Amino acid sequence: MLLLNGIIAMPHNYFDETSDENLAVVTVIGADKPGIVAGITAVLAKHNVNIVDIAQTVVRGIFSMIMIVDLSTGNIDLPRLREELVSRGKELGVEVSVNHIAVFKAMQRV
């Protein structure tokens, strides 16, 4: 970890294989409207789940977001987090999926 002008910068390999056991991938997709990011991230904040990385975009009115989250800081397990985020997604009118990062890494090897 480096401190640059008051900003914490993590080395590129900071989240290596040994830390993957607590990481999950959250994807959100649906028609764009205000409140999607706030609604989804509120669930994460409620459970003290850290967002490690996030990207979101809107293409022709379709909202998409992908987050890598760290469950080691939180007070919730993956199945329960998935349940709560899917439920919140239904309230917001978007599709949410939550999977352990190992699922995505395994798909890359196929």
PDB file of N, CA and C in Angstrom:
ATOM      1  N   MET A   1       0.850  -1.170   0.000  1.00  0.00           N
ATOM      2  CA  MET A   1       0.000   0.000   0.000  1.00  0.00           C
ATOM      3  C   MET A   1       0.893   1.228   0.000  1.00  0.00           C
ATOM      4  N   LEU A   2       0.565   2.194  -0.845  1.00  0.00           N
ATOM      5  CA  LEU A   2       1.307   3.434  -0.960  1.00  0.00           C
ATOM      6  C   LEU A   2       0.399   4.604  -0.622  1.00  0.00           C
ATOM      7  N   LEU A   3       0.986   5.659  -0.105  1.00  0.00           N
ATOM      8  CA  LEU A   3       0.230   6.874   0.162  1.00  0.00           C
ATOM      9  C   LEU A   3       0.750   7.942  -0.780  1.00  0.00           C
ATOM     10  N   LEU A   4      -0.081   8.371  -1.727  1.00  0.00           N
ATOM     11  CA  LEU A   4       0.298   9.368  -2.715  1.00  0.00           C
ATOM     12  C   LEU A   4      -0.605  10.582  -2.593  1.00  0.00           C
ATOM     13  N   ASN A   5      -0.029  11.701  -2.176  1.00  0.00           N
ATOM     14  CA  ASN A   5      -0.808  12.932  -2.032  1.00  0.00           C
ATOM     15  C   ASN A   5      -2.077  12.723  -1.218  1.00  0.00           C
ATOM     16  N   GLY A   6      -1.970  11.942  -0.153  1.00  0.00           N
ATOM     17  CA  GLY A   6      -3.111  11.700   0.718  1.00  0.00           C
ATOM     18  C   GLY A   6      -4.072  10.643   0.223  1.00  0.00           C
ATOM     19  N   ILE A   7      -3.767  10.013  -0.908  1.00  0.00           N
ATOM     20  CA  ILE A   7      -4.637   8.980  -1.485  1.00  0.00           C
ATOM     21  C   ILE A   7      -3.955   7.629  -1.320  1.00  0.00           C
ATOM     22  N   ILE A   8      -4.680   6.661  -0.822  1.00  0.00           N
ATOM     23  CA  ILE A   8      -4.134   5.319  -0.673  1.00  0.00           C
ATOM     24  C   ILE A   8      -4.180   4.627  -2.027  1.00  0.00           C
ATOM     25  N   ALA A   9      -3.034   4.127  -2.472  1.00  0.00           N
ATOM     26  CA  ALA A   9      -2.942   3.416  -3.750  1.00  0.00           C
ATOM     27  C   ALA A   9      -2.502   1.991  -3.470  1.00  0.00           C
ATOM     28  N   MET A  10      -3.237   1.041  -3.983  1.00  0.00           N
ATOM     29  CA  MET A  10      -2.903  -0.364  -3.794  1.00  0.00           C
ATOM     30  C   MET A  10      -2.087  -0.840  -4.993  1.00  0.00           C
ATOM     31  N   PRO A  11      -1.049  -1.638  -4.758  1.00  0.00           N
ATOM     32  CA  PRO A  11      -0.307  -2.216  -5.873  1.00  0.00           C
ATOM     33  C   PRO A  11      -1.233  -3.046  -6.753  1.00  0.00           C
ATOM     34  N   HIS A  12      -0.899  -3.168  -8.018  1.00  0.00           N
ATOM     35  CA  HIS A  12      -1.733  -3.887  -8.979  1.00  0.00           C
ATOM     36  C   HIS A  12      -2.090  -5.290  -8.500  1.00  0.00           C
ATOM     37  N   ASN A  13      -1.159  -5.978  -7.865  1.00  0.00           N
ATOM     38  CA  ASN A  13      -1.393  -7.354  -7.428  1.00  0.00           C
ATOM     39  C   ASN A  13      -1.863  -7.442  -5.982  1.00  0.00           C
ATOM     40  N   TYR A  14      -2.369  -6.358  -5.423  1.00  0.00           N
ATOM     41  CA  TYR A  14      -2.783  -6.334  -4.023  1.00  0.00           C
ATOM     42  C   TYR A  14      -3.794  -7.433  -3.706  1.00  0.00           C
ATOM     43  N   PHE A  15      -4.782  -7.600  -4.572  1.00  0.00           N
ATOM     44  CA  PHE A  15      -5.804  -8.627  -4.358  1.00  0.00           C
ATOM     45  C   PHE A  15      -5.413  -9.861  -5.157  1.00  0.00           C
ATOM     46  N   ASP A  16      -4.457 -10.613  -4.634  1.00  0.00           N
ATOM     47  CA  ASP A  16      -3.958 -11.788  -5.325  1.00  0.00           C
ATOM     48  C   ASP A  16      -4.804 -13.022  -4.996  1.00  0.00           C
ATOM     49  N   GLU A  17      -4.352 -14.167  -5.457  1.00  0.00           N
ATOM     50  CA  GLU A  17      -5.109 -15.411  -5.294  1.00  0.00           C
ATOM     51  C   GLU A  17      -5.468 -15.720  -3.842  1.00  0.00           C
ATOM     52  N   THR A  18      -4.601 -15.382  -2.900  1.00  0.00           N
ATOM     53  CA  THR A  18      -4.854 -15.748  -1.514  1.00  0.00           C
ATOM     54  C   THR A  18      -6.030 -14.991  -0.922  1.00  0.00           C
ATOM     55  N   SER A  19      -6.360 -13.833  -1.464  1.00  0.00           N
ATOM     56  CA  SER A  19      -7.459 -13.051  -0.907  1.00  0.00           C
ATOM     57  C   SER A  19      -8.791 -13.311  -1.618  1.00  0.00           C
ATOM     58  N   ASP A  20      -8.785 -14.137  -2.659  1.00  0.00           N
ATOM     59  CA  ASP A  20     -10.003 -14.386  -3.444  1.00  0.00           C
ATOM     60  C   ASP A  20     -11.098 -15.095  -2.653  1.00  0.00           C
ATOM     61  N   GLU A  21     -10.751 -15.770  -1.576  1.00  0.00           N
ATOM     62  CA  GLU A  21     -11.754 -16.568  -0.867  1.00  0.00           C
ATOM     63  C   GLU A  21     -12.918 -15.736  -0.351  1.00  0.00           C
ATOM     64  N   ASN A  22     -12.739 -14.446  -0.161  1.00  0.00           N
ATOM     65  CA  ASN A  22     -13.801 -13.588   0.361  1.00  0.00           C
ATOM     66  C   ASN A  22     -14.386 -12.634  -0.672  1.00  0.00           C
ATOM     67  N   LEU A  23     -14.007 -12.783  -1.936  1.00  0.00           N
ATOM     68  CA  LEU A  23     -14.476 -11.869  -2.971  1.00  0.00           C
ATOM     69  C   LEU A  23     -15.677 -12.434  -3.728  1.00  0.00           C
ATOM     70  N   ALA A  24     -16.580 -11.549  -4.070  1.00  0.00           N
ATOM     71  CA  ALA A  24     -17.750 -11.918  -4.872  1.00  0.00           C
ATOM     72  C   ALA A  24     -17.925 -10.901  -5.988  1.00  0.00           C
ATOM     73  N   VAL A  25     -18.588 -11.332  -7.051  1.00  0.00           N
ATOM     74  CA  VAL A  25     -18.886 -10.471  -8.189  1.00  0.00           C
ATOM     75  C   VAL A  25     -20.382 -10.187  -8.176  1.00  0.00           C
ATOM     76  N   VAL A  26     -20.727  -8.911  -8.157  1.00  0.00           N
ATOM     77  CA  VAL A  26     -22.128  -8.472  -8.188  1.00  0.00           C
ATOM     78  C   VAL A  26     -22.361  -7.801  -9.538  1.00  0.00           C
ATOM     79  N   THR A  27     -23.346  -8.288 -10.291  1.00  0.00           N
ATOM     80  CA  THR A  27     -23.702  -7.652 -11.554  1.00  0.00           C
ATOM     81  C   THR A  27     -25.149  -7.173 -11.478  1.00  0.00           C
ATOM     82  N   VAL A  28     -25.381  -6.020 -12.097  1.00  0.00           N
ATOM     83  CA  VAL A  28     -26.708  -5.411 -12.103  1.00  0.00           C
ATOM     84  C   VAL A  28     -26.983  -4.943 -13.525  1.00  0.00           C
ATOM     85  N   ILE A  29     -28.165  -5.245 -14.041  1.00  0.00           N
ATOM     86  CA  ILE A  29     -28.525  -4.799 -15.387  1.00  0.00           C
ATOM     87  C   ILE A  29     -30.022  -4.523 -15.448  1.00  0.00           C
ATOM     88  N   GLY A  30     -30.382  -3.488 -16.190  1.00  0.00           N
ATOM     89  CA  GLY A  30     -31.794  -3.149 -16.357  1.00  0.00           C
ATOM     90  C   GLY A  30     -31.957  -1.782 -16.976  1.00  0.00           C
ATOM     91  N   ALA A  31     -33.188  -1.360 -17.138  1.00  0.00           N
ATOM     92  CA  ALA A  31     -33.473  -0.036 -17.676  1.00  0.00           C
ATOM     93  C   ALA A  31     -32.935   1.026 -16.717  1.00  0.00           C
ATOM     94  N   ASP A  32     -32.271   2.024 -17.274  1.00  0.00           N
ATOM     95  CA  ASP A  32     -31.670   3.061 -16.441  1.00  0.00           C
ATOM     96  C   ASP A  32     -32.733   3.943 -15.801  1.00  0.00           C
ATOM     97  N   LYS A  33     -32.509   4.257 -14.531  1.00  0.00           N
ATOM     98  CA  LYS A  33     -33.356   5.196 -13.805  1.00  0.00           C
ATOM     99  C   LYS A  33     -32.625   5.613 -12.537  1.00  0.00           C
ATOM    100  N   PRO A  34     -32.985   6.724 -11.959  1.00  0.00           N
ATOM    101  CA  PRO A  34     -32.310   7.176 -10.741  1.00  0.00           C
ATOM    102  C   PRO A  34     -32.496   6.192  -9.596  1.00  0.00           C
ATOM    103  N   GLY A  35     -31.457   6.059  -8.773  1.00  0.00           N
ATOM    104  CA  GLY A  35     -31.560   5.281  -7.550  1.00  0.00           C
ATOM    105  C   GLY A  35     -31.023   3.868  -7.592  1.00  0.00           C
ATOM    106  N   ILE A  36     -30.599   3.383  -8.751  1.00  0.00           N
ATOM    107  CA  ILE A  36     -30.127   2.000  -8.823  1.00  0.00           C
ATOM    108  C   ILE A  36     -28.852   1.818  -8.004  1.00  0.00           C
ATOM    109  N   VAL A  37     -27.851   2.653  -8.263  1.00  0.00           N
ATOM    110  CA  VAL A  37     -26.583   2.524  -7.537  1.00  0.00           C
ATOM    111  C   VAL A  37     -26.816   2.713  -6.043  1.00  0.00           C
ATOM    112  N   ALA A  38     -27.587   3.713  -5.688  1.00  0.00           N
ATOM    113  CA  ALA A  38     -27.868   3.980  -4.266  1.00  0.00           C
ATOM    114  C   ALA A  38     -28.572   2.798  -3.612  1.00  0.00           C
ATOM    115  N   GLY A  39     -29.539   2.211  -4.294  1.00  0.00           N
ATOM    116  CA  GLY A  39     -30.295   1.097  -3.725  1.00  0.00           C
ATOM    117  C   GLY A  39     -29.457  -0.142  -3.510  1.00  0.00           C
ATOM    118  N   ILE A  40     -28.611  -0.462  -4.486  1.00  0.00           N
ATOM    119  CA  ILE A  40     -27.775  -1.658  -4.383  1.00  0.00           C
ATOM    120  C   ILE A  40     -26.666  -1.449  -3.355  1.00  0.00           C
ATOM    121  N   THR A  41     -25.999  -0.312  -3.420  1.00  0.00           N
ATOM    122  CA  THR A  41     -24.884  -0.086  -2.491  1.00  0.00           C
ATOM    123  C   THR A  41     -25.365   0.110  -1.058  1.00  0.00           C
ATOM    124  N   ALA A  42     -26.605   0.508  -0.855  1.00  0.00           N
ATOM    125  CA  ALA A  42     -27.142   0.633   0.504  1.00  0.00           C
ATOM    126  C   ALA A  42     -27.174  -0.727   1.202  1.00  0.00           C
ATOM    127  N   VAL A  43     -27.484  -1.774   0.447  1.00  0.00           N
ATOM    128  CA  VAL A  43     -27.492  -3.129   1.019  1.00  0.00           C
ATOM    129  C   VAL A  43     -26.072  -3.511   1.437  1.00  0.00           C
ATOM    130  N   LEU A  44     -25.099  -3.206   0.580  1.00  0.00           N
ATOM    131  CA  LEU A  44     -23.707  -3.514   0.910  1.00  0.00           C
ATOM    132  C   LEU A  44     -23.263  -2.744   2.151  1.00  0.00           C
ATOM    133  N   ALA A  45     -23.588  -1.464   2.197  1.00  0.00           N
ATOM    134  CA  ALA A  45     -23.198  -0.636   3.341  1.00  0.00           C
ATOM    135  C   ALA A  45     -23.843  -1.116   4.635  1.00  0.00           C
ATOM    136  N   LYS A  46     -25.098  -1.519   4.549  1.00  0.00           N
ATOM    137  CA  LYS A  46     -25.812  -2.005   5.737  1.00  0.00           C
ATOM    138  C   LYS A  46     -25.085  -3.184   6.373  1.00  0.00           C
ATOM    139  N   HIS A  47     -24.440  -3.980   5.546  1.00  0.00           N
ATOM    140  CA  HIS A  47     -23.753  -5.174   6.034  1.00  0.00           C
ATOM    141  C   HIS A  47     -22.229  -5.004   6.081  1.00  0.00           C
ATOM    142  N   ASN A  48     -21.766  -3.773   5.903  1.00  0.00           N
ATOM    143  CA  ASN A  48     -20.337  -3.458   5.989  1.00  0.00           C
ATOM    144  C   ASN A  48     -19.504  -4.240   4.968  1.00  0.00           C
ATOM    145  N   VAL A  49     -20.084  -4.513   3.806  1.00  0.00           N
ATOM    146  CA  VAL A  49     -19.380  -5.200   2.720  1.00  0.00           C
ATOM    147  C   VAL A  49     -18.638  -4.139   1.905  1.00  0.00           C
ATOM    148  N   ASN A  50     -17.338  -4.331   1.733  1.00  0.00           N
ATOM    149  CA  ASN A  50     -16.503  -3.357   1.051  1.00  0.00           C
ATOM    150  C   ASN A  50     -16.540  -3.546  -0.464  1.00  0.00           C
ATOM    151  N   ILE A  51     -16.685  -2.459  -1.197  1.00  0.00           N
ATOM    152  CA  ILE A  51     -16.591  -2.492  -2.659  1.00  0.00           C
ATOM    153  C   ILE A  51     -15.124  -2.319  -3.017  1.00  0.00           C
ATOM    154  N   VAL A  52     -14.543  -3.360  -3.616  1.00  0.00           N
ATOM    155  CA  VAL A  52     -13.137  -3.356  -3.991  1.00  0.00           C
ATOM    156  C   VAL A  52     -12.943  -2.669  -5.334  1.00  0.00           C
ATOM    157  N   ASP A  53     -13.864  -2.910  -6.255  1.00  0.00           N
ATOM    158  CA  ASP A  53     -13.788  -2.330  -7.591  1.00  0.00           C
ATOM    159  C   ASP A  53     -15.210  -2.189  -8.122  1.00  0.00           C
ATOM    160  N   ILE A  54     -15.433  -1.167  -8.947  1.00  0.00           N
ATOM    161  CA  ILE A  54     -16.774  -0.931  -9.485  1.00  0.00           C
ATOM    162  C   ILE A  54     -16.667  -0.280 -10.865  1.00  0.00           C
ATOM    163  N   ALA A  55     -17.539  -0.697 -11.763  1.00  0.00           N
ATOM    164  CA  ALA A  55     -17.656  -0.078 -13.078  1.00  0.00           C
ATOM    165  C   ALA A  55     -19.136  -0.064 -13.427  1.00  0.00           C
ATOM    166  N   GLN A  56     -19.576   1.029 -14.003  1.00  0.00           N
ATOM    167  CA  GLN A  56     -20.974   1.100 -14.434  1.00  0.00           C
ATOM    168  C   GLN A  56     -21.057   1.934 -15.690  1.00  0.00           C
ATOM    169  N   THR A  57     -22.054   1.624 -16.498  1.00  0.00           N
ATOM    170  CA  THR A  57     -22.255   2.356 -17.735  1.00  0.00           C
ATOM    171  C   THR A  57     -23.728   2.303 -18.122  1.00  0.00           C
ATOM    172  N   VAL A  58     -24.100   3.199 -18.985  1.00  0.00           N
ATOM    173  CA  VAL A  58     -25.441   3.202 -19.564  1.00  0.00           C
ATOM    174  C   VAL A  58     -25.268   3.223 -21.075  1.00  0.00           C
ATOM    175  N   VAL A  59     -25.859   2.234 -21.748  1.00  0.00           N
ATOM    176  CA  VAL A  59     -25.808   2.143 -23.198  1.00  0.00           C
ATOM    177  C   VAL A  59     -27.231   2.118 -23.718  1.00  0.00           C
ATOM    178  N   ARG A  60     -27.601   3.177 -24.446  1.00  0.00           N
ATOM    179  CA  ARG A  60     -28.951   3.287 -25.026  1.00  0.00           C
ATOM    180  C   ARG A  60     -30.044   3.024 -24.002  1.00  0.00           C
ATOM    181  N   GLY A  61     -29.872   3.587 -22.815  1.00  0.00           N
ATOM    182  CA  GLY A  61     -30.891   3.475 -21.785  1.00  0.00           C
ATOM    183  C   GLY A  61     -30.827   2.220 -20.943  1.00  0.00           C
ATOM    184  N   ILE A  62     -29.864   1.349 -21.219  1.00  0.00           N
ATOM    185  CA  ILE A  62     -29.682   0.128 -20.430  1.00  0.00           C
ATOM    186  C   ILE A  62     -28.521   0.342 -19.460  1.00  0.00           C
ATOM    187  N   PHE A  63     -28.827   0.226 -18.186  1.00  0.00           N
ATOM    188  CA  PHE A  63     -27.850   0.390 -17.124  1.00  0.00           C
ATOM    189  C   PHE A  63     -27.160  -0.939 -16.853  1.00  0.00           C
ATOM    190  N   SER A  64     -25.837  -0.913 -16.684  1.00  0.00           N
ATOM    191  CA  SER A  64     -25.128  -2.112 -16.249  1.00  0.00           C
ATOM    192  C   SER A  64     -24.040  -1.710 -15.256  1.00  0.00           C
ATOM    193  N   MET A  65     -23.853  -2.564 -14.270  1.00  0.00           N
ATOM    194  CA  MET A  65     -22.846  -2.312 -13.250  1.00  0.00           C
ATOM    195  C   MET A  65     -22.258  -3.645 -12.821  1.00  0.00           C
ATOM    196  N   ILE A  66     -20.958  -3.642 -12.596  1.00  0.00           N
ATOM    197  CA  ILE A  66     -20.285  -4.809 -12.048  1.00  0.00           C
ATOM    198  C   ILE A  66     -19.412  -4.332 -10.891  1.00  0.00           C
ATOM    199  N   MET A  67     -19.478  -5.080  -9.804  1.00  0.00           N
ATOM    200  CA  MET A  67     -18.679  -4.749  -8.628  1.00  0.00           C
ATOM    201  C   MET A  67     -17.969  -6.003  -8.137  1.00  0.00           C
ATOM    202  N   ILE A  68     -16.767  -5.814  -7.650  1.00  0.00           N
ATOM    203  CA  ILE A  68     -16.073  -6.843  -6.892  1.00  0.00           C
ATOM    204  C   ILE A  68     -16.194  -6.396  -5.441  1.00  0.00           C
ATOM    205  N   VAL A  69     -16.740  -7.262  -4.602  1.00  0.00           N
ATOM    206  CA  VAL A  69     -16.951  -6.908  -3.195  1.00  0.00           C
ATOM    207  C   VAL A  69     -16.205  -7.880  -2.293  1.00  0.00           C
ATOM    208  N   ASP A  70     -15.802  -7.371  -1.132  1.00  0.00           N
ATOM    209  CA  ASP A  70     -15.054  -8.160  -0.160  1.00  0.00           C
ATOM    210  C   ASP A  70     -15.960  -8.462   1.024  1.00  0.00           C
ATOM    211  N   LEU A  71     -16.308  -9.729   1.174  1.00  0.00           N
ATOM    212  CA  LEU A  71     -17.199 -10.146   2.255  1.00  0.00           C
ATOM    213  C   LEU A  71     -16.481 -10.265   3.606  1.00  0.00           C
ATOM    214  N   SER A  72     -15.152 -10.246   3.609  1.00  0.00           N
ATOM    215  CA  SER A  72     -14.423 -10.430   4.871  1.00  0.00           C
ATOM    216  C   SER A  72     -14.652  -9.274   5.838  1.00  0.00           C
ATOM    217  N   THR A  73     -15.029  -8.119   5.323  1.00  0.00           N
ATOM    218  CA  THR A  73     -15.286  -6.963   6.180  1.00  0.00           C
ATOM    219  C   THR A  73     -16.729  -6.929   6.670  1.00  0.00           C
ATOM    220  N   GLY A  74     -17.559  -7.773   6.096  1.00  0.00           N
ATOM    221  CA  GLY A  74     -18.994  -7.705   6.356  1.00  0.00           C
ATOM    222  C   GLY A  74     -19.501  -8.631   7.447  1.00  0.00           C
ATOM    223  N   ASN A  75     -20.796  -8.495   7.693  1.00  0.00           N
ATOM    224  CA  ASN A  75     -21.477  -9.301   8.707  1.00  0.00           C
ATOM    225  C   ASN A  75     -22.573 -10.154   8.073  1.00  0.00           C
ATOM    226  N   ILE A  76     -22.300 -10.643   6.842  1.00  0.00           N
ATOM    227  CA  ILE A  76     -23.288 -11.416   6.092  1.00  0.00           C
ATOM    228  C   ILE A  76     -22.542 -12.429   5.229  1.00  0.00           C
ATOM    229  N   ASP A  77     -23.154 -13.595   4.992  1.00  0.00           N
ATOM    230  CA  ASP A  77     -22.517 -14.578   4.122  1.00  0.00           C
ATOM    231  C   ASP A  77     -23.035 -14.409   2.694  1.00  0.00           C
ATOM    232  N   LEU A  78     -22.389 -15.089   1.765  1.00  0.00           N
ATOM    233  CA  LEU A  78     -22.715 -14.936   0.346  1.00  0.00           C
ATOM    234  C   LEU A  78     -24.163 -15.288   0.008  1.00  0.00           C
ATOM    235  N   PRO A  79     -24.697 -16.417   0.464  1.00  0.00           N
ATOM    236  CA  PRO A  79     -26.094 -16.736   0.114  1.00  0.00           C
ATOM    237  C   PRO A  79     -27.096 -15.685   0.607  1.00  0.00           C
ATOM    238  N   ARG A  80     -26.901 -15.197   1.804  1.00  0.00           N
ATOM    239  CA  ARG A  80     -27.818 -14.180   2.351  1.00  0.00           C
ATOM    240  C   ARG A  80     -27.660 -12.854   1.613  1.00  0.00           C
ATOM    241  N   LEU A  81     -26.416 -12.484   1.286  1.00  0.00           N
ATOM    242  CA  LEU A  81     -26.199 -11.257   0.522  1.00  0.00           C
ATOM    243  C   LEU A  81     -26.870 -11.362  -0.841  1.00  0.00           C
ATOM    244  N   ARG A  82     -26.710 -12.502  -1.492  1.00  0.00           N
ATOM    245  CA  ARG A  82     -27.355 -12.718  -2.789  1.00  0.00           C
ATOM    246  C   ARG A  82     -28.868 -12.530  -2.660  1.00  0.00           C
ATOM    247  N   GLU A  83     -29.449 -13.139  -1.641  1.00  0.00           N
ATOM    248  CA  GLU A  83     -30.901 -13.042  -1.419  1.00  0.00           C
ATOM    249  C   GLU A  83     -31.343 -11.584  -1.254  1.00  0.00           C
ATOM    250  N   GLU A  84     -30.624 -10.838  -0.437  1.00  0.00           N
ATOM    251  CA  GLU A  84     -31.002  -9.442  -0.191  1.00  0.00           C
ATOM    252  C   GLU A  84     -30.815  -8.567  -1.423  1.00  0.00           C
ATOM    253  N   LEU A  85     -29.716  -8.783  -2.173  1.00  0.00           N
ATOM    254  CA  LEU A  85     -29.478  -7.964  -3.362  1.00  0.00           C
ATOM    255  C   LEU A  85     -30.465  -8.290  -4.478  1.00  0.00           C
ATOM    256  N   VAL A  86     -30.795  -9.553  -4.653  1.00  0.00           N
ATOM    257  CA  VAL A  86     -31.788  -9.932  -5.666  1.00  0.00           C
ATOM    258  C   VAL A  86     -33.142  -9.310  -5.313  1.00  0.00           C
ATOM    259  N   SER A  87     -33.492  -9.356  -4.041  1.00  0.00           N
ATOM    260  CA  SER A  87     -34.748  -8.757  -3.584  1.00  0.00           C
ATOM    261  C   SER A  87     -34.758  -7.253  -3.839  1.00  0.00           C
ATOM    262  N   ARG A  88     -33.662  -6.576  -3.493  1.00  0.00           N
ATOM    263  CA  ARG A  88     -33.584  -5.131  -3.741  1.00  0.00           C
ATOM    264  C   ARG A  88     -33.641  -4.846  -5.235  1.00  0.00           C
ATOM    265  N   GLY A  89     -32.989  -5.688  -6.023  1.00  0.00           N
ATOM    266  CA  GLY A  89     -33.032  -5.523  -7.472  1.00  0.00           C
ATOM    267  C   GLY A  89     -34.449  -5.589  -8.007  1.00  0.00           C
ATOM    268  N   LYS A  90     -35.251  -6.520  -7.496  1.00  0.00           N
ATOM    269  CA  LYS A  90     -36.655  -6.616  -7.923  1.00  0.00           C
ATOM    270  C   LYS A  90     -37.409  -5.343  -7.584  1.00  0.00           C
ATOM    271  N   GLU A  91     -37.149  -4.795  -6.395  1.00  0.00           N
ATOM    272  CA  GLU A  91     -37.789  -3.527  -6.003  1.00  0.00           C
ATOM    273  C   GLU A  91     -37.401  -2.397  -6.953  1.00  0.00           C
ATOM    274  N   LEU A  92     -36.158  -2.431  -7.436  1.00  0.00           N
ATOM    275  CA  LEU A  92     -35.643  -1.380  -8.320  1.00  0.00           C
ATOM    276  C   LEU A  92     -35.929  -1.657  -9.797  1.00  0.00           C
ATOM    277  N   GLY A  93     -36.409  -2.849 -10.111  1.00  0.00           N
ATOM    278  CA  GLY A  93     -36.697  -3.205 -11.500  1.00  0.00           C
ATOM    279  C   GLY A  93     -35.468  -3.589 -12.305  1.00  0.00           C
ATOM    280  N   VAL A  94     -34.438  -4.148 -11.621  1.00  0.00           N
ATOM    281  CA  VAL A  94     -33.225  -4.589 -12.309  1.00  0.00           C
ATOM    282  C   VAL A  94     -32.913  -6.027 -11.930  1.00  0.00           C
ATOM    283  N   GLU A  95     -32.111  -6.683 -12.770  1.00  0.00           N
ATOM    284  CA  GLU A  95     -31.651  -8.039 -12.500  1.00  0.00           C
ATOM    285  C   GLU A  95     -30.317  -7.960 -11.771  1.00  0.00           C
ATOM    286  N   VAL A  96     -30.188  -8.707 -10.695  1.00  0.00           N
ATOM    287  CA  VAL A  96     -28.950  -8.733  -9.920  1.00  0.00           C
ATOM    288  C   VAL A  96     -28.480 -10.173  -9.809  1.00  0.00           C
ATOM    289  N   SER A  97     -27.186 -10.373 -10.017  1.00  0.00           N
ATOM    290  CA  SER A  97     -26.598 -11.683  -9.747  1.00  0.00           C
ATOM    291  C   SER A  97     -25.393 -11.492  -8.835  1.00  0.00           C
ATOM    292  N   VAL A  98     -25.180 -12.461  -7.969  1.00  0.00           N
ATOM    293  CA  VAL A  98     -24.076 -12.419  -7.009  1.00  0.00           C
ATOM    294  C   VAL A  98     -23.437 -13.797  -7.003  1.00  0.00           C
ATOM    295  N   ASN A  99     -22.150 -13.855  -7.339  1.00  0.00           N
ATOM    296  CA  ASN A  99     -21.431 -15.121  -7.394  1.00  0.00           C
ATOM    297  C   ASN A  99     -20.031 -14.962  -6.817  1.00  0.00           C
ATOM    298  N   HIS A 100     -19.534 -16.038  -6.249  1.00  0.00           N
ATOM    299  CA  HIS A 100     -18.164 -16.033  -5.758  1.00  0.00           C
ATOM    300  C   HIS A 100     -17.232 -15.807  -6.944  1.00  0.00           C
ATOM    301  N   ILE A 101     -16.151 -15.084  -6.725  1.00  0.00           N
ATOM    302  CA  ILE A 101     -15.228 -14.765  -7.817  1.00  0.00           C
ATOM    303  C   ILE A 101     -14.634 -16.025  -8.453  1.00  0.00           C
ATOM    304  N   ALA A 102     -14.553 -17.102  -7.700  1.00  0.00           N
ATOM    305  CA  ALA A 102     -14.007 -18.354  -8.233  1.00  0.00           C
ATOM    306  C   ALA A 102     -14.834 -18.870  -9.409  1.00  0.00           C
ATOM    307  N   VAL A 103     -16.133 -18.587  -9.415  1.00  0.00           N
ATOM    308  CA  VAL A 103     -16.998 -19.001 -10.532  1.00  0.00           C
ATOM    309  C   VAL A 103     -16.508 -18.366 -11.827  1.00  0.00           C
ATOM    310  N   PHE A 104     -16.173 -17.078 -11.777  1.00  0.00           N
ATOM    311  CA  PHE A 104     -15.715 -16.372 -12.976  1.00  0.00           C
ATOM    312  C   PHE A 104     -14.323 -16.812 -13.387  1.00  0.00           C
ATOM    313  N   LYS A 105     -13.470 -17.059 -12.425  1.00  0.00           N
ATOM    314  CA  LYS A 105     -12.120 -17.528 -12.748  1.00  0.00           C
ATOM    315  C   LYS A 105     -12.173 -18.915 -13.365  1.00  0.00           C
ATOM    316  N   ALA A 106     -13.092 -19.759 -12.899  1.00  0.00           N
ATOM    317  CA  ALA A 106     -13.241 -21.098 -13.470  1.00  0.00           C
ATOM    318  C   ALA A 106     -13.742 -21.009 -14.906  1.00  0.00           C
ATOM    319  N   MET A 107     -14.624 -20.069 -15.197  1.00  0.00           N
ATOM    320  CA  MET A 107     -15.132 -19.899 -16.559  1.00  0.00           C
ATOM    321  C   MET A 107     -14.017 -19.484 -17.515  1.00  0.00           C
ATOM    322  N   GLN A 108     -13.059 -18.735 -17.028  1.00  0.00           N
ATOM    323  CA  GLN A 108     -11.932 -18.307 -17.873  1.00  0.00           C
ATOM    324  C   GLN A 108     -11.053 -19.500 -18.266  1.00  0.00           C
ATOM    325  N   ARG A 109     -11.006 -20.515 -17.430  1.00  0.00           N
ATOM    326  CA  ARG A 109     -10.155 -21.678 -17.697  1.00  0.00           C
ATOM    327  C   ARG A 109     -10.808 -22.665 -18.659  1.00  0.00           C
ATOM    328  N   VAL A 110     -12.118 -22.538 -18.871  1.00  0.00           N
ATOM    329  CA  VAL A 110     -12.826 -23.483 -19.736  1.00  0.00           C
ATOM    330  C   VAL A 110     -12.571 -23.151 -21.183  1.00  0.00           C
TER     331      VAL A 110
END
